[in-house]
C-alpha cells in the first residue's frame, strides 16, 4: 500500500504535468517506489514514463520503449525538475490521441 507521502507526490506530479502540458489527459499512480505517468486514451490508460524515488525528494526518470523495456532518461533531481525533464523529452508521447 502506498504511503501518504507517495500519494501526495503522485498527486503533485499529476498537477505539474497537466500544467506543463496544458491538458488533463494525464494521470499518475504509485507503484512501489515508482510514480507511473499514464496518458488517457479512449481505451485504457497507457503507461508512458515513470519516476523512481532515489532518495528524499530525489527522482530518476525512465520511459517505456516500444519493446516494453524501461529506458532511463538523463539526470535526476527533485520532483518539479524531473516533471519538466519528462515533458521536454517525451511531450509528443504525452499528448492525447485526439490532439
PDB file of N, CA and C in Angstrom:
ATOM      1  N   UNK A   1       0.845  -1.184   0.000  1.00  0.00           N
ATOM      2  CA  UNK A   1       0.000   0.000   0.000  1.00  0.00           C
ATOM      3  C   UNK A   1       0.884   1.239   0.000  1.00  0.00           C
ATOM      4  N   UNK A   2       0.621   2.196  -0.884  1.00  0.00           N
ATOM      5  CA  UNK A   2       1.452   3.396  -0.956  1.00  0.00           C
ATOM      6  C   UNK A   2       1.337   4.242   0.317  1.00  0.00           C
ATOM      7  N   UNK A   3       2.419   4.890   0.656  1.00  0.00           N
ATOM      8  CA  UNK A   3       2.410   5.779   1.810  1.00  0.00           C
ATOM      9  C   UNK A   3       1.684   7.067   1.455  1.00  0.00           C
ATOM     10  N   UNK A   4       1.309   7.814   2.490  1.00  0.00           N
ATOM     11  CA  UNK A   4       0.674   9.118   2.243  1.00  0.00           C
ATOM     12  C   UNK A   4       1.616  10.031   1.472  1.00  0.00           C
ATOM     13  N   UNK A   5       2.907   9.953   1.759  1.00  0.00           N
ATOM     14  CA  UNK A   5       3.894  10.764   1.050  1.00  0.00           C
ATOM     15  C   UNK A   5       3.912  10.415  -0.441  1.00  0.00           C
ATOM     16  N   UNK A   6       3.884   9.119  -0.760  1.00  0.00           N
ATOM     17  CA  UNK A   6       3.888   8.692  -2.162  1.00  0.00           C
ATOM     18  C   UNK A   6       2.623   9.169  -2.868  1.00  0.00           C
ATOM     19  N   UNK A   7       1.481   9.067  -2.196  1.00  0.00           N
ATOM     20  CA  UNK A   7       0.228   9.531  -2.794  1.00  0.00           C
ATOM     21  C   UNK A   7       0.267  11.036  -3.034  1.00  0.00           C
ATOM     22  N   UNK A   8       0.831  11.783  -2.088  1.00  0.00           N
ATOM     23  CA  UNK A   8       0.950  13.231  -2.248  1.00  0.00           C
ATOM     24  C   UNK A   8       1.851  13.543  -3.440  1.00  0.00           C
ATOM     25  N   UNK A   9       3.001  12.859  -3.539  1.00  0.00           N
ATOM     26  CA  UNK A   9       3.925  13.126  -4.641  1.00  0.00           C
ATOM     27  C   UNK A   9       3.297  12.767  -5.991  1.00  0.00           C
ATOM     28  N   UNK A  10       2.519  11.692  -6.042  1.00  0.00           N
ATOM     29  CA  UNK A  10       1.829  11.332  -7.288  1.00  0.00           C
ATOM     30  C   UNK A  10       0.828  12.407  -7.677  1.00  0.00           C
ATOM     31  N   UNK A  11       0.095  12.913  -6.696  1.00  0.00           N
ATOM     32  CA  UNK A  11      -0.880  13.973  -6.954  1.00  0.00           C
ATOM     33  C   UNK A  11      -0.193  15.254  -7.411  1.00  0.00           C
ATOM     34  N   UNK A  12       0.910  15.592  -6.766  1.00  0.00           N
ATOM     35  CA  UNK A  12       1.656  16.795  -7.132  1.00  0.00           C
ATOM     36  C   UNK A  12       2.254  16.655  -8.530  1.00  0.00           C
ATOM     37  N   UNK A  13       2.806  15.485  -8.838  1.00  0.00           N
ATOM     38  CA  UNK A  13       3.355  15.241 -10.175  1.00  0.00           C
ATOM     39  C   UNK A  13       2.272  15.377 -11.231  1.00  0.00           C
ATOM     40  N   UNK A  14       1.098  14.810 -10.982  1.00  0.00           N
ATOM     41  CA  UNK A  14      -0.013  14.916 -11.933  1.00  0.00           C
ATOM     42  C   UNK A  14      -0.382  16.372 -12.172  1.00  0.00           C
ATOM     43  N   UNK A  15      -0.475  17.152 -11.106  1.00  0.00           N
ATOM     44  CA  UNK A  15      -0.808  18.577 -11.229  1.00  0.00           C
ATOM     45  C   UNK A  15       0.237  19.292 -12.080  1.00  0.00           C
ATOM     46  N   UNK A  16       1.520  19.046 -11.798  1.00  0.00           N
ATOM     47  CA  UNK A  16       2.594  19.704 -12.544  1.00  0.00           C
ATOM     48  C   UNK A  16       2.581  19.310 -14.018  1.00  0.00           C
ATOM     49  N   UNK A  17       2.406  18.023 -14.303  1.00  0.00           N
ATOM     50  CA  UNK A  17       2.388  17.568 -15.697  1.00  0.00           C
ATOM     51  C   UNK A  17       1.227  18.173 -16.462  1.00  0.00           C
ATOM     52  N   UNK A  18       0.054  18.213 -15.848  1.00  0.00           N
ATOM     53  CA  UNK A  18      -1.114  18.799 -16.517  1.00  0.00           C
ATOM     54  C   UNK A  18      -0.899  20.279 -16.802  1.00  0.00           C
ATOM     55  N   UNK A  19      -0.262  20.974 -15.880  1.00  0.00           N
ATOM     56  CA  UNK A  19       0.035  22.394 -16.099  1.00  0.00           C
ATOM     57  C   UNK A  19       1.037  22.571 -17.231  1.00  0.00           C
ATOM     58  N   UNK A  20       2.109  21.799 -17.208  1.00  0.00           N
ATOM     59  CA  UNK A  20       3.147  21.909 -18.236  1.00  0.00           C
ATOM     60  C   UNK A  20       2.632  21.524 -19.621  1.00  0.00           C
ATOM     61  N   UNK A  21       1.771  20.517 -19.688  1.00  0.00           N
ATOM     62  CA  UNK A  21       1.266  20.025 -20.970  1.00  0.00           C
ATOM     63  C   UNK A  21       0.053  20.796 -21.480  1.00  0.00           C
ATOM     64  N   UNK A  22      -0.670  21.449 -20.577  1.00  0.00           N
ATOM     65  CA  UNK A  22      -1.834  22.216 -20.972  1.00  0.00           C
ATOM     66  C   UNK A  22      -3.076  21.379 -21.241  1.00  0.00           C
ATOM     67  N   UNK A  23      -3.124  20.160 -20.728  1.00  0.00           N
ATOM     68  CA  UNK A  23      -4.322  19.322 -20.840  1.00  0.00           C
ATOM     69  C   UNK A  23      -4.396  18.403 -19.624  1.00  0.00           C
ATOM     70  N   UNK A  24      -5.575  17.802 -19.435  1.00  0.00           N
ATOM     71  CA  UNK A  24      -5.770  16.956 -18.261  1.00  0.00           C
ATOM     72  C   UNK A  24      -5.885  15.474 -18.608  1.00  0.00           C
ATOM     73  N   UNK A  25      -5.317  15.074 -19.726  1.00  0.00           N
ATOM     74  CA  UNK A  25      -5.367  13.677 -20.155  1.00  0.00           C
ATOM     75  C   UNK A  25      -4.175  12.875 -19.639  1.00  0.00           C
ATOM     76  N   UNK A  26      -3.639  13.286 -18.490  1.00  0.00           N
ATOM     77  CA  UNK A  26      -2.512  12.617 -17.839  1.00  0.00           C
ATOM     78  C   UNK A  26      -2.940  12.251 -16.427  1.00  0.00           C
ATOM     79  N   UNK A  27      -2.625  11.035 -16.019  1.00  0.00           N
ATOM     80  CA  UNK A  27      -2.846  10.619 -14.636  1.00  0.00           C
ATOM     81  C   UNK A  27      -1.559   9.985 -14.114  1.00  0.00           C
ATOM     82  N   UNK A  28      -1.409  10.019 -12.806  1.00  0.00           N
ATOM     83  CA  UNK A  28      -0.262   9.374 -12.178  1.00  0.00           C
ATOM     84  C   UNK A  28      -0.774   8.349 -11.177  1.00  0.00           C
ATOM     85  N   UNK A  29       0.076   7.368 -10.906  1.00  0.00           N
ATOM     86  CA  UNK A  29      -0.291   6.296  -9.993  1.00  0.00           C
ATOM     87  C   UNK A  29       0.978   5.836  -9.285  1.00  0.00           C
ATOM     88  N   UNK A  30       0.859   5.511  -8.011  1.00  0.00           N
ATOM     89  CA  UNK A  30       2.001   4.954  -7.302  1.00  0.00           C
ATOM     90  C   UNK A  30       2.102   3.466  -7.591  1.00  0.00           C
ATOM     91  N   UNK A  31       3.326   2.981  -7.647  1.00  0.00           N
ATOM     92  CA  UNK A  31       3.591   1.558  -7.831  1.00  0.00           C
ATOM     93  C   UNK A  31       4.922   1.274  -7.143  1.00  0.00           C
ATOM     94  N   UNK A  32       4.874   0.884  -5.889  1.00  0.00           N
ATOM     95  CA  UNK A  32       6.093   0.698  -5.108  1.00  0.00           C
ATOM     96  C   UNK A  32       6.827   2.010  -4.973  1.00  0.00           C
ATOM     97  N   UNK A  33       8.098   2.035  -5.351  1.00  0.00           N
ATOM     98  CA  UNK A  33       8.916   3.255  -5.288  1.00  0.00           C
ATOM     99  C   UNK A  33       8.776   4.107  -6.542  1.00  0.00           C
ATOM    100  N   UNK A  34       7.841   3.734  -7.415  1.00  0.00           N
ATOM    101  CA  UNK A  34       7.677   4.425  -8.691  1.00  0.00           C
ATOM    102  C   UNK A  34       6.407   5.270  -8.711  1.00  0.00           C
ATOM    103  N   UNK A  35       6.468   6.339  -9.490  1.00  0.00           N
ATOM    104  CA  UNK A  35       5.293   7.137  -9.822  1.00  0.00           C
ATOM    105  C   UNK A  35       5.067   6.946 -11.316  1.00  0.00           C
ATOM    106  N   UNK A  36       4.037   6.198 -11.678  1.00  0.00           N
ATOM    107  CA  UNK A  36       3.751   5.933 -13.085  1.00  0.00           C
ATOM    108  C   UNK A  36       3.042   7.118 -13.702  1.00  0.00           C
ATOM    109  N   UNK A  37       3.400   7.454 -14.926  1.00  0.00           N
ATOM    110  CA  UNK A  37       2.789   8.545 -15.680  1.00  0.00           C
ATOM    111  C   UNK A  37       2.038   7.914 -16.846  1.00  0.00           C
ATOM    112  N   UNK A  38       0.715   8.124 -16.865  1.00  0.00           N
ATOM    113  CA  UNK A  38      -0.135   7.497 -17.874  1.00  0.00           C
ATOM    114  C   UNK A  38      -0.865   8.540 -18.701  1.00  0.00           C
ATOM    115  N   UNK A  39      -0.963   8.261 -19.995  1.00  0.00           N
ATOM    116  CA  UNK A  39      -1.749   9.093 -20.911  1.00  0.00           C
ATOM    117  C   UNK A  39      -3.118   8.448 -21.047  1.00  0.00           C
ATOM    118  N   UNK A  40      -4.157   9.248 -20.906  1.00  0.00           N
ATOM    119  CA  UNK A  40      -5.518   8.739 -21.057  1.00  0.00           C
ATOM    120  C   UNK A  40      -5.903   8.729 -22.523  1.00  0.00           C
ATOM    121  N   UNK A  41      -6.362   7.602 -22.987  1.00  0.00           N
ATOM    122  CA  UNK A  41      -6.855   7.459 -24.355  1.00  0.00           C
ATOM    123  C   UNK A  41      -8.290   6.962 -24.288  1.00  0.00           C
ATOM    124  N   UNK A  42      -8.887   6.716 -25.429  1.00  0.00           N
ATOM    125  CA  UNK A  42     -10.259   6.235 -25.469  1.00  0.00           C
ATOM    126  C   UNK A  42     -10.409   4.897 -24.758  1.00  0.00           C
ATOM    127  N   UNK A  43      -9.416   4.055 -24.866  1.00  0.00           N
ATOM    128  CA  UNK A  43      -9.465   2.723 -24.264  1.00  0.00           C
ATOM    129  C   UNK A  43      -8.934   2.789 -22.834  1.00  0.00           C
ATOM    130  N   UNK A  44      -7.815   2.138 -22.606  1.00  0.00           N
ATOM    131  CA  UNK A  44      -7.194   2.107 -21.286  1.00  0.00           C
ATOM    132  C   UNK A  44      -6.067   3.125 -21.214  1.00  0.00           C
ATOM    133  N   UNK A  45      -5.742   3.599 -19.997  1.00  0.00           N
ATOM    134  CA  UNK A  45      -4.583   4.479 -19.853  1.00  0.00           C
ATOM    135  C   UNK A  45      -3.307   3.747 -20.289  1.00  0.00           C
ATOM    136  N   UNK A  46      -2.406   4.472 -20.935  1.00  0.00           N
ATOM    137  CA  UNK A  46      -1.154   3.902 -21.431  1.00  0.00           C
ATOM    138  C   UNK A  46      -0.008   4.449 -20.591  1.00  0.00           C
ATOM    139  N   UNK A  47       0.779   3.554 -19.994  1.00  0.00           N
ATOM    140  CA  UNK A  47       1.942   3.979 -19.211  1.00  0.00           C
ATOM    141  C   UNK A  47       3.018   4.459 -20.182  1.00  0.00           C
ATOM    142  N   UNK A  48       3.424   5.716 -20.022  1.00  0.00           N
ATOM    143  CA  UNK A  48       4.424   6.315 -20.900  1.00  0.00           C
ATOM    144  C   UNK A  48       5.778   6.405 -20.204  1.00  0.00           C
ATOM    145  N   UNK A  49       5.765   6.768 -18.923  1.00  0.00           N
ATOM    146  CA  UNK A  49       7.016   7.001 -18.209  1.00  0.00           C
ATOM    147  C   UNK A  49       6.811   6.736 -16.727  1.00  0.00           C
ATOM    148  N   UNK A  50       7.912   6.793 -15.998  1.00  0.00           N
ATOM    149  CA  UNK A  50       7.836   6.666 -14.551  1.00  0.00           C
ATOM    150  C   UNK A  50       8.956   7.462 -13.911  1.00  0.00           C
ATOM    151  N   UNK A  51       8.696   7.914 -12.708  1.00  0.00           N
ATOM    152  CA  UNK A  51       9.729   8.488 -11.865  1.00  0.00           C
ATOM    153  C   UNK A  51       9.970   7.495 -10.741  1.00  0.00           C
ATOM    154  N   UNK A  52      11.233   7.281 -10.400  1.00  0.00           N
ATOM    155  CA  UNK A  52      11.601   6.372  -9.332  1.00  0.00           C
ATOM    156  C   UNK A  52      12.273   7.162  -8.227  1.00  0.00           C
ATOM    157  N   UNK A  53      11.804   6.971  -7.008  1.00  0.00           N
ATOM    158  CA  UNK A  53      12.396   7.683  -5.874  1.00  0.00           C
ATOM    159  C   UNK A  53      13.766   7.091  -5.585  1.00  0.00           C
ATOM    160  N   UNK A  54      14.779   7.947  -5.638  1.00  0.00           N
ATOM    161  CA  UNK A  54      16.153   7.535  -5.378  1.00  0.00           C
ATOM    162  C   UNK A  54      16.591   7.925  -3.968  1.00  0.00           C
ATOM    163  N   UNK A  55      15.918   8.875  -3.389  1.00  0.00           N
ATOM    164  CA  UNK A  55      16.207   9.386  -2.050  1.00  0.00           C
ATOM    165  C   UNK A  55      15.146  10.401  -1.702  1.00  0.00           C
ATOM    166  N   UNK A  56      15.330  11.064  -0.600  1.00  0.00           N
ATOM    167  CA  UNK A  56      14.339  12.058  -0.180  1.00  0.00           C
ATOM    168  C   UNK A  56      14.246  13.176  -1.214  1.00  0.00           C
ATOM    169  N   UNK A  57      13.093  13.285  -1.867  1.00  0.00           N
ATOM    170  CA  UNK A  57      12.825  14.254  -2.929  1.00  0.00           C
ATOM    171  C   UNK A  57      13.892  14.236  -4.031  1.00  0.00           C
ATOM    172  N   UNK A  58      14.346  13.045  -4.370  1.00  0.00           N
ATOM    173  CA  UNK A  58      15.292  12.853  -5.470  1.00  0.00           C
ATOM    174  C   UNK A  58      14.752  11.723  -6.339  1.00  0.00           C
ATOM    175  N   UNK A  59      14.546  12.036  -7.617  1.00  0.00           N
ATOM    176  CA  UNK A  59      13.923  11.084  -8.532  1.00  0.00           C
ATOM    177  C   UNK A  59      14.763  10.896  -9.787  1.00  0.00           C
ATOM    178  N   UNK A  60      14.678   9.713 -10.350  1.00  0.00           N
ATOM    179  CA  UNK A  60      15.201   9.418 -11.666  1.00  0.00           C
ATOM    180  C   UNK A  60      14.012   9.104 -12.560  1.00  0.00           C
ATOM    181  N   UNK A  61      14.166   9.251 -13.858  1.00  0.00           N
ATOM    182  CA  UNK A  61      13.052   9.032 -14.785  1.00  0.00           C
ATOM    183  C   UNK A  61      13.409   7.971 -15.819  1.00  0.00           C
ATOM    184  N   UNK A  62      12.395   7.314 -16.328  1.00  0.00           N
ATOM    185  CA  UNK A  62      12.559   6.335 -17.401  1.00  0.00           C
ATOM    186  C   UNK A  62      11.287   6.357 -18.247  1.00  0.00           C
ATOM    187  N   UNK A  63      11.425   5.923 -19.504  1.00  0.00           N
ATOM    188  CA  UNK A  63      10.252   5.814 -20.369  1.00  0.00           C
ATOM    189  C   UNK A  63      10.130   4.377 -20.841  1.00  0.00           C
ATOM    190  N   UNK A  64       8.911   4.000 -21.170  1.00  0.00           N
ATOM    191  CA  UNK A  64       8.653   2.645 -21.653  1.00  0.00           C
ATOM    192  C   UNK A  64       8.803   2.644 -23.163  1.00  0.00           C
ATOM    193  N   UNK A  65       9.775   1.887 -23.656  1.00  0.00           N
ATOM    194  CA  UNK A  65      10.015   1.820 -25.095  1.00  0.00           C
ATOM    195  C   UNK A  65       8.968   0.933 -25.763  1.00  0.00           C
ATOM    196  N   UNK A  66       8.981   0.917 -27.081  1.00  0.00           N
ATOM    197  CA  UNK A  66       8.017   0.112 -27.833  1.00  0.00           C
ATOM    198  C   UNK A  66       8.152  -1.374 -27.520  1.00  0.00           C
ATOM    199  N   UNK A  67       9.330  -1.800 -27.043  1.00  0.00           N
ATOM    200  CA  UNK A  67       9.535  -3.210 -26.695  1.00  0.00           C
ATOM    201  C   UNK A  67       9.042  -3.534 -25.288  1.00  0.00           C
ATOM    202  N   UNK A  68       8.637  -2.493 -24.532  1.00  0.00           N
ATOM    203  CA  UNK A  68       8.163  -2.705 -23.180  1.00  0.00           C
ATOM    204  C   UNK A  68       9.235  -2.547 -22.111  1.00  0.00           C
ATOM    205  N   UNK A  69      10.472  -2.344 -22.541  1.00  0.00           N
ATOM    206  CA  UNK A  69      11.568  -2.158 -21.590  1.00  0.00           C
ATOM    207  C   UNK A  69      11.578  -0.733 -21.072  1.00  0.00           C
ATOM    208  N   UNK A  70      12.062  -0.558 -19.848  1.00  0.00           N
ATOM    209  CA  UNK A  70      12.231   0.776 -19.274  1.00  0.00           C
ATOM    210  C   UNK A  70      13.602   1.296 -19.657  1.00  0.00           C
ATOM    211  N   UNK A  71      13.627   2.438 -20.331  1.00  0.00           N
ATOM    212  CA  UNK A  71      14.870   3.073 -20.758  1.00  0.00           C
ATOM    213  C   UNK A  71      15.065   4.345 -19.927  1.00  0.00           C
ATOM    214  N   UNK A  72      16.227   4.501 -19.297  1.00  0.00           N
ATOM    215  CA  UNK A  72      16.437   5.673 -18.429  1.00  0.00           C
ATOM    216  C   UNK A  72      16.508   6.977 -19.211  1.00  0.00           C
ATOM    217  N   UNK A  73      16.016   8.027 -18.601  1.00  0.00           N
ATOM    218  CA  UNK A  73      16.165   9.386 -19.119  1.00  0.00           C
ATOM    219  C   UNK A  73      17.327  10.027 -18.361  1.00  0.00           C
ATOM    220  N   UNK A  74      17.977  11.011 -18.942  1.00  0.00           N
ATOM    221  CA  UNK A  74      19.150  11.603 -18.295  1.00  0.00           C
ATOM    222  C   UNK A  74      18.794  12.391 -17.042  1.00  0.00           C
ATOM    223  N   UNK A  75      19.708  12.340 -16.075  1.00  0.00           N
ATOM    224  CA  UNK A  75      19.608  13.183 -14.895  1.00  0.00           C
ATOM    225  C   UNK A  75      18.764  12.620 -13.778  1.00  0.00           C
ATOM    226  N   UNK A  76      18.824  13.327 -12.682  1.00  0.00           N
ATOM    227  CA  UNK A  76      17.991  13.054 -11.518  1.00  0.00           C
ATOM    228  C   UNK A  76      17.812  14.377 -10.805  1.00  0.00           C
ATOM    229  N   UNK A  77      16.753  14.470 -10.017  1.00  0.00           N
ATOM    230  CA  UNK A  77      16.512  15.719  -9.316  1.00  0.00           C
ATOM    231  C   UNK A  77      15.204  15.696  -8.569  1.00  0.00           C
ATOM    232  N   UNK A  78      14.809  16.846  -8.037  1.00  0.00           N
ATOM    233  CA  UNK A  78      13.534  16.939  -7.335  1.00  0.00           C
ATOM    234  C   UNK A  78      12.359  16.736  -8.288  1.00  0.00           C
ATOM    235  N   UNK A  79      11.217  16.494  -7.709  1.00  0.00           N
ATOM    236  CA  UNK A  79      10.005  16.172  -8.467  1.00  0.00           C
ATOM    237  C   UNK A  79       9.702  17.192  -9.556  1.00  0.00           C
ATOM    238  N   UNK A  80       9.750  18.481  -9.223  1.00  0.00           N
ATOM    239  CA  UNK A  80       9.390  19.503 -10.216  1.00  0.00           C
ATOM    240  C   UNK A  80      10.366  19.540 -11.386  1.00  0.00           C
ATOM    241  N   UNK A  81      11.662  19.350 -11.115  1.00  0.00           N
ATOM    242  CA  UNK A  81      12.648  19.336 -12.202  1.00  0.00           C
ATOM    243  C   UNK A  81      12.466  18.113 -13.102  1.00  0.00           C
ATOM    244  N   UNK A  82      12.167  16.978 -12.494  1.00  0.00           N
ATOM    245  CA  UNK A  82      12.008  15.766 -13.295  1.00  0.00           C
ATOM    246  C   UNK A  82      10.702  15.790 -14.083  1.00  0.00           C
ATOM    247  N   UNK A  83       9.684  16.457 -13.563  1.00  0.00           N
ATOM    248  CA  UNK A  83       8.452  16.643 -14.343  1.00  0.00           C
ATOM    249  C   UNK A  83       8.774  17.428 -15.612  1.00  0.00           C
ATOM    250  N   UNK A  84       9.593  18.457 -15.476  1.00  0.00           N
ATOM    251  CA  UNK A  84       9.996  19.269 -16.632  1.00  0.00           C
ATOM    252  C   UNK A  84      10.821  18.445 -17.620  1.00  0.00           C
ATOM    253  N   UNK A  85      11.732  17.612 -17.125  1.00  0.00           N
ATOM    254  CA  UNK A  85      12.546  16.751 -17.994  1.00  0.00           C
ATOM    255  C   UNK A  85      11.646  15.806 -18.787  1.00  0.00           C
ATOM    256  N   UNK A  86      10.703  15.172 -18.102  1.00  0.00           N
ATOM    257  CA  UNK A  86       9.793  14.233 -18.763  1.00  0.00           C
ATOM    258  C   UNK A  86       9.001  14.940 -19.866  1.00  0.00           C
ATOM    259  N   UNK A  87       8.474  16.113 -19.576  1.00  0.00           N
ATOM    260  CA  UNK A  87       7.690  16.849 -20.575  1.00  0.00           C
ATOM    261  C   UNK A  87       8.580  17.284 -21.736  1.00  0.00           C
ATOM    262  N   UNK A  88       9.759  17.781 -21.456  1.00  0.00           N
ATOM    263  CA  UNK A  88      10.669  18.231 -22.506  1.00  0.00           C
ATOM    264  C   UNK A  88      11.032  17.092 -23.455  1.00  0.00           C
ATOM    265  N   UNK A  89      11.343  15.931 -22.895  1.00  0.00           N
ATOM    266  CA  UNK A  89      11.814  14.821 -23.722  1.00  0.00           C
ATOM    267  C   UNK A  89      10.702  13.962 -24.320  1.00  0.00           C
ATOM    268  N   UNK A  90       9.551  13.916 -23.662  1.00  0.00           N
ATOM    269  CA  UNK A  90       8.505  12.981 -24.092  1.00  0.00           C
ATOM    270  C   UNK A  90       7.180  13.636 -24.464  1.00  0.00           C
ATOM    271  N   UNK A  91       7.158  14.930 -24.658  1.00  0.00           N
ATOM    272  CA  UNK A  91       5.894  15.632 -24.901  1.00  0.00           C
ATOM    273  C   UNK A  91       5.027  14.999 -25.992  1.00  0.00           C
ATOM    274  N   UNK A  92       5.575  14.609 -27.149  1.00  0.00           N
ATOM    275  CA  UNK A  92       4.699  14.017 -28.171  1.00  0.00           C
ATOM    276  C   UNK A  92       3.985  12.748 -27.685  1.00  0.00           C
ATOM    277  N   UNK A  93       4.613  11.993 -26.813  1.00  0.00           N
ATOM    278  CA  UNK A  93       4.029  10.751 -26.302  1.00  0.00           C
ATOM    279  C   UNK A  93       3.027  11.007 -25.179  1.00  0.00           C
ATOM    280  N   UNK A  94       3.033  12.212 -24.638  1.00  0.00           N
ATOM    281  CA  UNK A  94       2.140  12.565 -23.540  1.00  0.00           C
ATOM    282  C   UNK A  94       0.898  13.310 -24.016  1.00  0.00           C
ATOM    283  N   UNK A  95       0.796  13.532 -25.316  1.00  0.00           N
ATOM    284  CA  UNK A  95      -0.387  14.206 -25.870  1.00  0.00           C
ATOM    285  C   UNK A  95      -1.474  13.169 -26.141  1.00  0.00           C
ATOM    286  N   UNK A  96      -2.721  13.490 -25.851  1.00  0.00           N
ATOM    287  CA  UNK A  96      -3.806  12.547 -26.142  1.00  0.00           C
ATOM    288  C   UNK A  96      -3.926  12.309 -27.646  1.00  0.00           C
ATOM    289  N   UNK A  97      -4.491  11.173 -28.008  1.00  0.00           N
ATOM    290  CA  UNK A  97      -4.636  10.803 -29.424  1.00  0.00           C
ATOM    291  C   UNK A  97      -5.435  11.825 -30.222  1.00  0.00           C
ATOM    292  N   UNK A  98      -6.384  12.491 -29.579  1.00  0.00           N
ATOM    293  CA  UNK A  98      -7.241  13.430 -30.318  1.00  0.00           C
ATOM    294  C   UNK A  98      -6.645  14.821 -30.400  1.00  0.00           C
ATOM    295  N   UNK A  99      -5.403  14.998 -30.002  1.00  0.00           N
ATOM    296  CA  UNK A  99      -4.749  16.303 -30.076  1.00  0.00           C
ATOM    297  C   UNK A  99      -4.197  16.530 -31.449  1.00  0.00           C
TER     298      UNK A  99
END
